Amino acid sequence: MEYQVVIRGGTIVDGLGGDPYVGDVAVSNGLIAAVGEVKGAGAREIDATGLLVTPGFIDLHTHYDGQAIWSERLNPSSGHGVTTAVMGNCGVGFAPCRPEDHDVLVDVMAGVEDIPGVVMVEGLPWDWETFPQYLDAVDSRRRDIDVAPLLPHSPLRVYVMGQRGADREPATPEDLARMRDLAREAVEVGALGFASSHTGFHRTESGAQIPSYQAGREELQAIGAGVADAGGGLMQISAPDALEGDYEAAMRPVFEAAAATGLNVTYTLPIDNGGRTDWAGVLSLGEEYQAKGVSISAQLFPRPIGMILGLALSANPFVTYPSYRKIADLPLDERVAEMRKPEVRARILAEGPTDGHPLLYLLNWEWMFAFDEETPNYEPDRSRSILALAEAHGVSPAEEAYDRLLAQDGHAMLFSALGNFLNNSLDTVGELLHRDDVVLGLGDGGAHYGMICDASFPTFVLTHWTRDRASGRYTIPTAVRELTSVPASVAGLEDRGRIAVGYKADLNVIDYDGLRLHQPEVLHDLPAGGMRLDQRADGYVATIVSGEVIAEHGEPTSARPGKLIRGRRNAPVPAG
């Protein structure tokens, strides 16, 4: 056969925003070999008549650092057309790490990313210490999609400074020099750059601020200089107290460090539901530095930033109530039976929340919604809020939430929109996504296992933002561009994200009219039987990585072509 795969007669969406056109795509040796009318035969032929053919999607913000070790499938992401995932975000991860510091990093990841400690203890062999050794461990595993690493700041800090780093003491000049050397080494062996977090919401499981919190400009600049020493790359920053303090003042040192080292910056951009506009000042500040030659992109999630709450999940509105805590460790069926007792119900509802989960104090009945539609609604009407439903039923919001959580034998879920839902609408998000300096991101695949399932966002973009929303929709070419070539450029992975000869053959064949998100479901397939949320989708006829079909009609195949991407990639040189 002349080609590895030929996709015939599909509507090609090139990833650059160009007008779709009907044609064929041929693949050889994992690369796109021909586009247009292909006369030669393929060892595998896919009839794409009436279907979209797009580049594989690229997720800039994931946490598959652990899952890439213990699992061959990086789902949910790979179930939603993602073929490349950037990991190591928020400056948390598992390397570099001395054996005596394993517990420190487990504590960080359990708190920040909601990964149960037992999952990490059982699922990770910890047969590495340095970052190069960790990448070798990732490289030795089979998986369905490609992963690209960032060097995480918190492990780096603890590795260099020991307990002083965990306690967030200032780095000495010697510490900074060592961080610079290790950052250079990390990029030389394959890191795209480094990642850090300065947000106060990121706490360890034991309640402390994470090691990178409030690290100064000098430290960011030293690590950035190490990245620059190795040829440059990306600086990813989780917003410093974006919803807590002076966002603009906190981001200025980040942009200054990027300007001093020549790194590109991508940072989280959350929108406050209550109307605070700190984000507008940060965008203006970014424009100021862009005018100086700094490449800056704000990562914005295309639906509300939030949590899925339930009795079978990591959190629910009553998890910090004293009387609930007394029964919280009971098996679900026994806990539900207890909660249905009138005296237990009355006792819990008479109480209030106490200190506990660092995000639960943000819960607001006005932005908490029933989450029980067959197709989940991520832009719900005010009438679906727990506050509105309680008023309609003549009960308190706490009573409404309590009774809803007991439905489906305790498997019912609520959705709490913590951000991006100004005026109970995604209008502001939609407007911002049209900006050239705003990119899609924050899917968080591989983390928050019992609290969110945001890695499904590519399907949401294609359904909600191009097809189902009543207003403010995007064209399909624009949406696909934002899922492919734009994040590829931000990450420095210019060899993918578009359909053209010579580019990596990562592709999706999509039944656009049949695209549909399913409700999240609880699985117990993590190491040690750990629980996580997964979310399936209809409409993905085939997902292809390096010319191999990794999923058909929503079901994974046995193909595992995914690789560790070591370093940035240039665009292919056109033939001739």
Protein backbone atom coordinates (compact mmCIF):
# COMPACT_ATOMS: atom_id res chain seq x y z
CA MET A 1 0.00 0.00 0.00
CA GLU A 2 1.19 3.51 -0.83
CA TYR A 3 0.01 5.13 2.42
CA GLN A 4 -0.38 4.18 6.06
CA VAL A 5 -3.86 5.75 6.27
CA VAL A 6 -6.08 7.61 3.83
CA ILE A 7 -9.07 9.61 5.11
CA ARG A 8 -11.35 10.15 2.13
CA GLY A 9 -13.95 12.74 1.27
CA GLY A 10 -14.04 14.55 4.58
CA THR A 11 -14.63 18.24 5.19
CA ILE A 12 -11.12 19.38 6.04
CA VAL A 13 -10.74 22.07 8.71
CA ASP A 14 -7.08 22.96 8.42
CA GLY A 15 -6.42 24.32 11.93
CA LEU A 16 -5.42 27.76 10.67
CA GLY A 17 -8.93 29.17 10.40
CA GLY A 18 -9.23 28.68 6.64
CA ASP A 19 -12.52 27.83 4.94
CA PRO A 20 -13.37 24.13 5.17
CA TYR A 21 -13.17 22.14 1.95
CA VAL A 22 -13.86 18.57 0.90
CA GLY A 23 -10.80 16.43 0.27
CA ASP A 24 -8.61 13.53 1.27
CA VAL A 25 -5.76 13.29 3.79
CA ALA A 26 -3.04 10.66 3.39
CA VAL A 27 -0.56 9.61 6.06
CA SER A 28 2.84 7.94 5.76
CA ASN A 29 5.32 7.22 8.54
CA GLY A 30 3.28 9.16 11.05
CA LEU A 31 3.24 12.37 8.98
CA ILE A 32 0.72 13.94 6.63
CA ALA A 33 1.90 12.94 3.16
CA ALA A 34 -0.81 14.39 0.91
CA VAL A 35 -3.87 16.62 1.17
CA GLY A 36 -6.51 17.14 -1.48
CA GLU A 37 -7.24 14.42 -4.01
CA VAL A 38 -5.31 11.28 -3.08
CA LYS A 39 -5.19 8.57 -5.73
CA GLY A 40 -2.97 6.04 -3.93
CA ALA A 41 -4.43 3.45 -1.55
CA GLY A 42 -3.94 3.27 2.19
CA ALA A 43 -3.38 0.24 4.38
CA ARG A 44 -6.27 1.72 6.35
CA GLU A 45 -9.01 3.66 4.55
CA ILE A 46 -11.50 5.84 6.45
CA ASP A 47 -14.62 7.12 4.70
CA ALA A 48 -15.16 10.62 6.10
CA THR A 49 -18.01 11.66 3.79
CA GLY A 50 -20.12 14.21 5.66
CA LEU A 51 -17.65 14.32 8.56
CA LEU A 52 -15.16 16.93 9.76
CA VAL A 53 -11.45 16.18 9.56
CA THR A 54 -9.43 18.31 11.97
CA PRO A 55 -5.94 18.33 13.46
CA GLY A 56 -5.65 16.64 16.83
CA PHE A 57 -6.38 18.99 19.71
CA ILE A 58 -3.66 20.33 22.03
CA ASP A 59 -4.31 20.93 25.72
CA LEU A 60 -1.87 23.42 27.23
CA HIS A 61 -2.77 22.78 30.86
CA THR A 62 -2.86 19.24 32.22
CA HIS A 63 -1.49 17.32 35.18
CA TYR A 64 -0.85 13.90 33.68
CA ASP A 65 2.56 13.75 35.42
CA GLY A 66 1.38 10.75 37.44
CA GLN A 67 -1.16 9.21 35.08
CA ALA A 68 1.46 9.15 32.32
CA ILE A 69 3.41 6.76 34.54
CA TRP A 70 0.65 4.47 35.82
CA SER A 71 -1.75 4.39 32.86
CA GLU A 72 -1.53 3.79 29.13
CA ARG A 73 -4.59 5.97 28.50
CA LEU A 74 -4.70 9.68 29.22
CA ASN A 75 -8.44 9.95 29.42
CA PRO A 76 -10.62 11.97 29.69
CA SER A 77 -8.44 14.03 27.32
CA SER A 78 -7.88 11.35 24.69
CA GLY A 79 -11.62 10.73 24.58
CA HIS A 80 -12.20 14.32 23.48
CA GLY A 81 -9.86 14.54 20.51
CA VAL A 82 -6.77 15.66 22.42
CA THR A 83 -3.61 14.21 20.93
CA THR A 84 -0.99 16.30 22.79
CA ALA A 85 -1.09 17.23 26.47
CA VAL A 86 1.29 19.66 28.19
CA MET A 87 1.90 18.56 31.80
CA GLY A 88 3.76 19.91 34.82
CA ASN A 89 1.51 22.96 35.06
CA CYS A 90 1.00 25.03 38.23
CA GLY A 91 4.57 24.18 39.17
CA VAL A 92 3.61 20.87 40.79
CA GLY A 93 4.82 17.42 39.85
CA PHE A 94 7.06 14.56 40.88
CA ALA A 95 10.58 15.54 39.88
CA PRO A 96 13.21 16.41 40.77
CA CYS A 97 12.72 14.70 44.12
CA ARG A 98 15.02 13.05 46.65
CA PRO A 99 13.65 9.90 48.32
CA GLU A 100 13.28 11.70 51.63
CA ASP A 101 11.01 14.30 50.01
CA HIS A 102 8.45 11.95 48.45
CA ASP A 103 5.97 12.72 51.22
CA VAL A 104 6.36 16.46 50.63
CA LEU A 105 5.40 16.18 46.96
CA VAL A 106 2.56 13.76 47.69
CA ASP A 107 1.23 16.29 50.20
CA VAL A 108 1.45 19.05 47.58
CA MET A 109 -0.24 17.06 44.81
CA ALA A 110 -2.95 15.70 47.11
CA GLY A 111 -3.84 19.21 48.22
CA VAL A 112 -3.44 21.19 45.00
CA GLU A 113 -4.60 18.61 42.48
CA ASP A 114 -6.96 16.38 44.51
CA ILE A 115 -5.00 13.21 43.80
CA PRO A 116 -5.38 10.80 46.74
CA GLY A 117 -2.08 10.12 48.45
CA VAL A 118 -2.56 6.35 48.28
CA VAL A 119 -2.92 6.61 44.49
CA MET A 120 0.48 8.26 44.22
CA VAL A 121 2.12 5.91 46.70
CA GLU A 122 0.77 2.82 44.97
CA GLY A 123 0.88 4.10 41.39
CA LEU A 124 4.34 5.66 41.23
CA PRO A 125 7.51 3.54 41.41
CA TRP A 126 9.59 6.60 42.33
CA ASP A 127 12.48 5.08 40.40
CA TRP A 128 13.88 8.51 39.63
CA GLU A 129 15.39 11.41 41.50
CA THR A 130 16.44 13.96 38.90
CA PHE A 131 14.21 15.52 36.28
CA PRO A 132 16.10 13.80 33.43
CA GLN A 133 15.53 10.45 35.18
CA TYR A 134 11.82 11.21 35.52
CA LEU A 135 11.58 11.98 31.79
CA ASP A 136 13.31 8.68 31.06
CA ALA A 137 10.65 6.95 33.16
CA VAL A 138 7.87 8.69 31.23
CA ASP A 139 9.61 7.91 27.95
CA SER A 140 9.74 4.20 28.77
CA ARG A 141 5.95 3.88 29.12
CA ARG A 142 3.35 3.19 26.43
CA ARG A 143 0.40 5.59 26.07
CA ASP A 144 -2.27 6.69 23.65
CA ILE A 145 -1.32 10.36 23.16
CA ASP A 146 1.78 12.55 23.29
CA VAL A 147 2.83 14.37 26.45
CA ALA A 148 5.08 17.42 26.68
CA PRO A 149 6.67 18.32 30.05
CA LEU A 150 7.25 21.55 31.91
CA LEU A 151 9.72 21.68 34.81
CA PRO A 152 7.63 22.21 37.98
CA HIS A 153 8.80 24.93 40.33
CA SER A 154 7.73 23.46 43.70
CA PRO A 155 9.66 20.17 43.35
CA LEU A 156 12.65 22.10 42.02
CA ARG A 157 12.58 24.40 45.04
CA VAL A 158 12.38 21.53 47.54
CA TYR A 159 15.10 19.61 45.69
CA VAL A 160 17.48 22.57 45.90
CA MET A 161 16.56 23.94 49.33
CA GLY A 162 15.17 20.97 51.26
CA GLN A 163 12.89 21.90 54.14
CA ARG A 164 13.73 25.57 53.66
CA GLY A 165 12.10 25.34 50.24
CA ALA A 166 9.01 23.61 51.59
CA ASP A 167 8.77 26.29 54.28
CA ARG A 168 8.95 29.01 51.60
CA GLU A 169 12.07 30.66 52.98
CA PRO A 170 13.81 33.10 50.61
CA ALA A 171 16.28 31.50 48.23
CA THR A 172 19.94 32.38 48.69
CA PRO A 173 22.18 33.35 45.76
CA GLU A 174 23.59 29.81 45.88
CA ASP A 175 20.04 28.38 45.73
CA LEU A 176 19.21 30.55 42.73
CA ALA A 177 22.35 29.50 40.90
CA ARG A 178 21.52 25.84 41.48
CA MET A 179 17.93 26.34 40.26
CA ARG A 180 19.26 27.99 37.13
CA ASP A 181 21.57 25.07 36.44
CA LEU A 182 18.80 22.51 36.94
CA ALA A 183 16.39 24.47 34.75
CA ARG A 184 18.96 24.51 31.96
CA GLU A 185 19.45 20.78 32.35
CA ALA A 186 15.68 20.16 32.28
CA VAL A 187 15.23 22.02 29.01
CA GLU A 188 18.24 20.33 27.49
CA VAL A 189 16.64 16.92 28.12
CA GLY A 190 13.17 17.90 26.94
CA ALA A 191 11.21 20.37 29.09
CA LEU A 192 9.31 23.03 27.15
CA GLY A 193 10.09 25.49 29.95
CA PHE A 194 8.98 25.76 33.55
CA ALA A 195 5.76 26.24 35.49
CA SER A 196 4.95 27.91 38.78
CA SER A 197 1.99 28.83 40.97
CA HIS A 198 1.58 31.82 43.23
CA THR A 199 -2.09 31.43 44.00
CA GLY A 200 -3.20 31.19 47.62
CA PHE A 201 -5.85 28.64 46.69
CA HIS A 202 -3.11 26.11 46.02
CA ARG A 203 -2.40 24.48 49.37
CA THR A 204 -0.95 21.18 50.45
CA GLU A 205 -3.24 18.51 51.85
CA SER A 206 -2.00 19.45 55.31
CA GLY A 207 -3.11 23.04 54.70
CA ALA A 208 0.18 24.86 54.10
CA GLN A 209 0.96 27.13 51.18
CA ILE A 210 2.84 25.30 48.44
CA PRO A 211 6.63 25.84 48.12
CA SER A 212 6.44 28.18 45.12
CA TYR A 213 3.86 30.51 46.70
CA GLN A 214 5.11 34.12 46.72
CA ALA A 215 8.50 33.21 45.29
CA GLY A 216 9.95 36.52 44.18
CA ARG A 217 10.90 37.93 40.82
CA GLU A 218 14.55 37.03 41.43
CA GLU A 219 13.68 33.35 41.73
CA LEU A 220 11.44 33.33 38.65
CA GLN A 221 14.15 35.18 36.76
CA ALA A 222 16.85 32.73 37.84
CA ILE A 223 14.81 29.72 36.69
CA GLY A 224 13.86 31.57 33.51
CA ALA A 225 17.52 32.33 32.87
CA GLY A 226 18.25 28.61 33.04
CA VAL A 227 15.56 27.97 30.44
CA ALA A 228 17.07 30.73 28.30
CA ASP A 229 20.55 29.22 28.72
CA ALA A 230 19.23 26.08 27.03
CA GLY A 231 17.64 27.96 24.14
CA GLY A 232 14.46 29.42 25.60
CA GLY A 233 10.93 28.25 26.12
CA LEU A 234 7.75 28.81 28.08
CA MET A 235 6.95 30.18 31.54
CA GLN A 236 3.54 29.00 32.79
CA ILE A 237 2.12 30.80 35.81
CA SER A 238 -1.01 30.03 37.79
CA ALA A 239 -2.35 33.44 38.64
CA PRO A 240 -1.07 34.95 41.89
CA ASP A 241 -4.14 35.36 44.08
CA ALA A 242 -6.24 36.27 41.06
CA LEU A 243 -9.47 36.34 43.07
CA GLU A 244 -7.95 37.41 46.38
CA GLY A 245 -5.76 40.45 45.96
CA ASP A 246 -4.14 42.86 43.56
CA TYR A 247 -3.86 40.66 40.49
CA GLU A 248 -2.15 43.28 38.35
CA ALA A 249 0.53 44.09 40.93
CA ALA A 250 1.21 40.38 41.46
CA MET A 251 1.62 39.70 37.74
CA ARG A 252 4.01 42.55 37.01
CA PRO A 253 7.06 40.73 38.46
CA VAL A 254 6.16 37.72 36.32
CA PHE A 255 6.11 39.79 33.15
CA GLU A 256 9.32 41.53 34.20
CA ALA A 257 11.05 38.18 34.70
CA ALA A 258 9.87 37.08 31.27
CA ALA A 259 11.13 40.29 29.70
CA ALA A 260 14.52 39.85 31.36
CA THR A 261 14.93 36.26 30.19
CA GLY A 262 13.19 36.34 26.81
CA LEU A 263 10.71 33.62 27.72
CA ASN A 264 7.15 33.37 26.49
CA VAL A 265 4.52 33.57 29.24
CA THR A 266 1.14 31.89 29.57
CA TYR A 267 -0.92 32.53 32.69
CA THR A 268 -4.34 31.67 34.06
CA LEU A 269 -7.11 34.21 33.60
CA PRO A 270 -10.14 33.60 35.84
CA ILE A 271 -13.18 35.90 35.69
CA ASP A 272 -14.78 36.73 39.03
CA ASN A 273 -18.52 35.99 39.17
CA GLY A 274 -19.10 38.94 41.46
CA GLY A 275 -18.02 41.64 39.03
CA ARG A 276 -14.42 42.37 40.05
CA THR A 277 -12.45 43.38 36.98
CA ASP A 278 -8.85 42.72 38.08
CA TRP A 279 -8.47 40.60 34.94
CA ALA A 280 -8.98 43.66 32.71
CA GLY A 281 -6.01 45.40 34.30
CA VAL A 282 -3.82 42.34 33.83
CA LEU A 283 -4.73 42.15 30.14
CA SER A 284 -3.78 45.81 29.79
CA LEU A 285 -0.54 45.15 31.64
CA GLY A 286 0.13 42.28 29.26
CA GLU A 287 -0.37 44.60 26.31
CA GLU A 288 2.23 46.93 27.80
CA TYR A 289 4.81 44.15 27.93
CA GLN A 290 3.82 42.77 24.55
CA ALA A 291 4.69 46.17 23.13
CA LYS A 292 8.17 45.58 24.58
CA GLY A 293 8.47 42.30 22.70
CA VAL A 294 7.33 39.83 25.37
CA SER A 295 5.05 37.04 24.09
CA ILE A 296 2.16 36.75 26.56
CA SER A 297 -0.99 34.65 26.42
CA ALA A 298 -3.73 34.45 29.01
CA GLN A 299 -5.25 30.99 29.38
CA LEU A 300 -9.03 31.11 29.71
CA PHE A 301 -11.34 28.19 30.32
CA PRO A 302 -14.31 28.22 27.91
CA ARG A 303 -16.97 27.38 30.50
CA PRO A 304 -17.36 28.15 34.22
CA ILE A 305 -14.44 27.25 36.44
CA GLY A 306 -16.07 25.13 39.05
CA MET A 307 -16.47 21.96 41.04
CA ILE A 308 -18.76 18.99 40.74
CA LEU A 309 -20.12 18.21 44.17
CA GLY A 310 -21.63 14.98 45.45
CA LEU A 311 -21.70 12.48 48.27
CA ALA A 312 -19.66 10.05 46.16
CA LEU A 313 -17.09 12.73 45.24
CA SER A 314 -14.31 14.61 47.03
CA ALA A 315 -16.51 17.44 48.23
CA ASN A 316 -20.09 18.45 48.88
CA PRO A 317 -21.59 21.56 50.52
CA PHE A 318 -21.76 19.83 53.92
CA VAL A 319 -18.35 18.21 54.04
CA THR A 320 -17.10 20.64 56.71
CA TYR A 321 -20.27 20.52 58.84
CA PRO A 322 -19.42 18.81 62.17
CA SER A 323 -22.31 16.34 62.16
CA TYR A 324 -21.62 15.35 58.56
CA ARG A 325 -17.97 14.81 59.39
CA LYS A 326 -19.00 12.19 61.95
CA ILE A 327 -20.53 10.05 59.20
CA ALA A 328 -18.32 11.09 56.27
CA ASP A 329 -16.25 7.91 56.33
CA LEU A 330 -19.23 5.56 56.18
CA PRO A 331 -19.80 3.66 52.93
CA LEU A 332 -22.05 5.64 50.62
CA ASP A 333 -25.16 3.52 51.15
CA GLU A 334 -24.84 3.70 54.93
CA ARG A 335 -24.15 7.44 54.81
CA VAL A 336 -27.23 8.04 52.66
CA ALA A 337 -29.34 5.99 55.05
CA GLU A 338 -28.09 8.10 57.96
CA MET A 339 -28.66 11.37 56.13
CA ARG A 340 -32.23 10.38 55.36
CA LYS A 341 -33.04 10.11 59.05
CA PRO A 342 -35.05 13.23 60.03
CA GLU A 343 -33.02 13.84 63.18
CA VAL A 344 -29.69 13.62 61.31
CA ARG A 345 -30.99 15.91 58.57
CA ALA A 346 -32.16 18.46 61.11
CA ARG A 347 -28.89 18.33 63.05
CA ILE A 348 -26.68 18.84 59.97
CA LEU A 349 -28.86 21.63 58.55
CA ALA A 350 -28.84 23.44 61.90
CA GLU A 351 -25.07 23.71 61.73
CA GLY A 352 -22.79 25.72 59.49
CA PRO A 353 -19.49 25.10 57.72
CA THR A 354 -16.21 25.07 59.58
CA ASP A 355 -12.64 25.26 58.34
CA GLY A 356 -11.81 22.66 55.75
CA HIS A 357 -11.39 22.44 52.01
CA PRO A 358 -9.72 25.65 50.77
CA LEU A 359 -12.27 26.14 47.97
CA LEU A 360 -15.46 25.39 49.85
CA TYR A 361 -15.65 28.86 51.38
CA LEU A 362 -16.25 30.13 47.83
CA LEU A 363 -19.48 28.15 47.50
CA ASN A 364 -22.46 30.35 46.78
CA TRP A 365 -26.02 29.03 46.44
CA GLU A 366 -26.64 31.52 43.64
CA TRP A 367 -23.93 29.88 41.52
CA MET A 368 -24.57 26.29 42.53
CA PHE A 369 -26.80 24.38 40.13
CA ALA A 370 -28.70 21.18 39.74
CA PHE A 371 -26.60 18.99 37.47
CA ASP A 372 -28.97 16.28 36.36
CA GLU A 373 -29.70 16.87 32.67
CA GLU A 374 -28.88 14.02 30.28
CA THR A 375 -26.53 16.40 28.46
CA PRO A 376 -24.79 18.48 31.15
CA ASN A 377 -25.56 22.18 31.02
CA TYR A 378 -22.51 24.33 31.70
CA GLU A 379 -24.30 27.63 31.10
CA PRO A 380 -27.40 27.05 33.22
CA ASP A 381 -30.19 29.54 33.65
CA ARG A 382 -30.57 31.29 37.00
CA SER A 383 -33.76 29.30 37.56
CA ARG A 384 -31.61 26.14 37.89
CA SER A 385 -29.57 27.54 40.77
CA ILE A 386 -30.01 26.00 44.20
CA LEU A 387 -31.04 29.45 45.44
CA ALA A 388 -33.82 29.80 42.86
CA LEU A 389 -35.00 26.21 43.27
CA ALA A 390 -35.12 26.64 47.04
CA GLU A 391 -37.19 29.81 46.71
CA ALA A 392 -39.57 28.02 44.32
CA HIS A 393 -39.96 25.12 46.75
CA GLY A 394 -40.27 27.27 49.86
CA VAL A 395 -37.21 25.82 51.60
CA SER A 396 -33.73 27.04 52.46
CA PRO A 397 -30.91 26.61 49.92
CA ALA A 398 -29.17 24.20 52.30
CA GLU A 399 -32.30 22.05 52.47
CA GLU A 400 -32.63 22.08 48.68
CA ALA A 401 -29.01 21.03 48.20
CA TYR A 402 -29.21 18.39 50.94
CA ASP A 403 -32.25 16.68 49.45
CA ARG A 404 -30.89 16.81 45.90
CA LEU A 405 -27.65 15.15 46.98
CA LEU A 406 -29.64 12.18 48.32
CA ALA A 407 -31.23 11.50 44.92
CA GLN A 408 -30.03 8.56 42.84
CA ASP A 409 -29.11 6.78 46.08
CA GLY A 410 -26.50 9.43 46.81
CA HIS A 411 -24.96 9.52 43.33
CA ALA A 412 -26.56 12.85 42.36
CA MET A 413 -24.27 15.74 41.50
CA LEU A 414 -24.36 19.52 41.81
CA PHE A 415 -22.27 21.97 39.79
CA SER A 416 -20.73 24.96 41.55
CA ALA A 417 -19.53 27.75 39.25
CA LEU A 418 -16.67 29.45 41.08
CA GLY A 419 -15.58 31.72 38.24
CA ASN A 420 -16.05 32.68 34.58
CA PHE A 421 -19.80 33.11 35.16
CA LEU A 422 -20.25 36.87 35.43
CA ASN A 423 -23.95 37.79 35.36
CA ASN A 424 -24.77 34.08 35.16
CA SER A 425 -23.50 34.08 31.60
CA LEU A 426 -20.49 33.11 29.50
CA ASP A 427 -20.79 36.28 27.43
CA THR A 428 -17.62 37.80 28.91
CA VAL A 429 -15.70 34.58 28.32
CA GLY A 430 -16.89 34.51 24.72
CA GLU A 431 -15.76 38.08 24.11
CA LEU A 432 -12.34 37.48 25.64
CA LEU A 433 -11.73 34.34 23.61
CA HIS A 434 -11.76 36.51 20.48
CA ARG A 435 -8.61 38.29 21.67
CA ASP A 436 -5.32 37.29 20.08
CA ASP A 437 -3.61 37.22 23.49
CA VAL A 438 -6.15 34.85 25.05
CA VAL A 439 -5.91 31.09 24.49
CA LEU A 440 -7.97 28.08 25.50
CA GLY A 441 -6.63 26.09 28.40
CA LEU A 442 -7.03 24.86 31.98
CA GLY A 443 -8.51 21.44 31.21
CA ASP A 444 -6.58 20.05 34.23
CA GLY A 445 -6.69 16.46 32.96
CA GLY A 446 -5.01 14.08 35.38
CA ALA A 447 -5.93 16.11 38.46
CA HIS A 448 -8.88 17.03 40.67
CA TYR A 449 -10.04 13.48 40.12
CA GLY A 450 -13.02 13.66 42.45
CA MET A 451 -13.98 17.27 41.91
CA ILE A 452 -13.89 18.31 38.25
CA CYS A 453 -13.86 16.81 34.79
CA ASP A 454 -12.81 19.78 32.71
CA ALA A 455 -10.63 17.86 30.25
CA SER A 456 -13.80 17.49 28.16
CA PHE A 457 -13.65 21.16 27.16
CA PRO A 458 -12.73 20.57 23.47
CA THR A 459 -16.07 18.85 22.94
CA PHE A 460 -17.81 21.68 24.79
CA VAL A 461 -16.12 24.24 22.53
CA LEU A 462 -17.32 22.46 19.40
CA THR A 463 -20.85 21.86 20.65
CA HIS A 464 -21.73 24.85 22.81
CA TRP A 465 -19.64 27.58 21.20
CA THR A 466 -20.13 26.69 17.52
CA ARG A 467 -23.50 24.93 17.42
CA ASP A 468 -25.80 25.05 20.44
CA ARG A 469 -25.45 28.49 22.01
CA ALA A 470 -28.15 30.96 21.04
CA SER A 471 -25.75 33.88 20.48
CA GLY A 472 -22.09 34.77 20.34
CA ARG A 473 -21.16 31.58 18.56
CA TYR A 474 -17.85 30.85 16.86
CA THR A 475 -17.34 29.44 13.41
CA ILE A 476 -16.06 25.90 13.24
CA PRO A 477 -12.74 26.98 11.63
CA THR A 478 -12.15 29.52 14.41
CA ALA A 479 -12.90 27.03 17.16
CA VAL A 480 -10.67 24.39 15.61
CA ARG A 481 -7.85 26.90 15.20
CA GLU A 482 -8.12 27.75 18.92
CA LEU A 483 -7.90 24.03 19.77
CA THR A 484 -4.97 23.26 17.46
CA SER A 485 -2.50 25.66 15.85
CA VAL A 486 -2.88 28.38 18.49
CA PRO A 487 -1.95 26.23 21.51
CA ALA A 488 0.71 24.50 19.39
CA SER A 489 2.35 27.88 18.82
CA VAL A 490 2.13 28.86 22.49
CA ALA A 491 3.75 25.59 23.55
CA GLY A 492 6.44 25.80 20.87
CA LEU A 493 5.20 22.65 19.14
CA GLU A 494 5.04 23.95 15.59
CA ASP A 495 5.19 20.48 14.02
CA ARG A 496 1.50 19.80 14.75
CA GLY A 497 -1.87 21.52 14.97
CA ARG A 498 -2.61 21.89 11.25
CA ILE A 499 -3.47 19.77 8.25
CA ALA A 500 -0.69 20.26 5.73
CA VAL A 501 1.98 18.10 4.16
CA GLY A 502 4.84 17.31 6.51
CA TYR A 503 2.98 17.98 9.75
CA LYS A 504 2.48 15.32 12.38
CA ALA A 505 -0.44 13.05 11.53
CA ASP A 506 -2.52 13.75 14.63
CA LEU A 507 -6.10 13.95 13.38
CA ASN A 508 -9.75 13.75 14.35
CA VAL A 509 -12.63 12.53 12.22
CA ILE A 510 -15.79 14.01 13.74
CA ASP A 511 -19.51 13.57 13.26
CA TYR A 512 -20.26 17.20 14.03
CA ASP A 513 -24.03 16.84 14.20
CA GLY A 514 -23.65 13.82 16.48
CA LEU A 515 -21.27 15.47 18.95
CA ARG A 516 -22.65 15.24 22.48
CA LEU A 517 -21.19 15.32 25.99
CA HIS A 518 -22.34 12.72 28.49
CA GLN A 519 -22.78 13.33 32.20
CA PRO A 520 -19.58 12.76 34.18
CA GLU A 521 -19.36 9.31 35.72
CA VAL A 522 -17.49 7.95 38.71
CA LEU A 523 -14.87 5.29 38.00
CA HIS A 524 -12.63 3.40 40.41
CA ASP A 525 -9.75 2.64 38.07
CA LEU A 526 -6.89 4.57 39.65
CA PRO A 527 -4.09 2.73 41.44
CA ALA A 528 -5.25 1.25 44.76
CA GLY A 529 -8.83 1.45 43.47
CA GLY A 530 -8.84 5.24 43.65
CA MET A 531 -11.90 7.15 42.46
CA ARG A 532 -12.06 9.63 39.62
CA LEU A 533 -14.52 11.35 37.33
CA ASP A 534 -14.55 10.53 33.65
CA GLN A 535 -16.70 11.95 30.88
CA ARG A 536 -17.48 10.40 27.54
CA ALA A 537 -18.58 11.97 24.29
CA ASP A 538 -20.40 10.87 21.16
CA GLY A 539 -19.29 12.01 17.73
CA TYR A 540 -15.59 11.14 17.58
CA VAL A 541 -15.52 8.69 14.68
CA ALA A 542 -11.74 8.33 14.87
CA THR A 543 -8.84 9.92 16.70
CA ILE A 544 -5.41 9.37 15.16
CA VAL A 545 -1.97 9.89 16.71
CA SER A 546 1.12 9.62 14.49
CA GLY A 547 -1.00 7.87 11.88
CA GLU A 548 -2.39 5.23 14.27
CA VAL A 549 -6.07 5.09 15.24
CA ILE A 550 -6.24 5.28 19.04
CA ALA A 551 -10.04 5.47 19.32
CA GLU A 552 -13.04 4.68 17.12
CA HIS A 553 -16.60 5.77 17.85
CA GLY A 554 -15.64 6.64 21.40
CA GLU A 555 -13.96 3.32 22.15
CA PRO A 556 -10.18 3.04 22.61
CA THR A 557 -8.18 0.71 20.37
CA SER A 558 -5.05 -1.16 21.42
CA ALA A 559 -2.79 1.34 19.64
CA ARG A 560 -0.38 3.19 21.92
CA PRO A 561 1.65 5.50 19.65
CA GLY A 562 1.92 8.36 22.15
CA LYS A 563 5.42 9.62 22.87
CA LEU A 564 7.19 11.91 25.28
CA ILE A 565 7.93 15.10 23.37
CA ARG A 566 11.43 16.20 24.23
CA GLY A 567 11.67 19.91 23.65
CA ARG A 568 10.18 22.40 21.26
CA ARG A 569 9.53 21.45 17.66
CA ASN A 570 9.96 23.51 14.52
CA ALA A 571 7.46 23.53 11.68
CA PRO A 572 8.38 21.19 8.82
CA VAL A 573 10.26 22.73 5.93
CA PRO A 574 8.08 22.76 2.80
CA ALA A 575 9.25 20.42 0.07
CA GLY A 576 11.17 22.13 -2.68
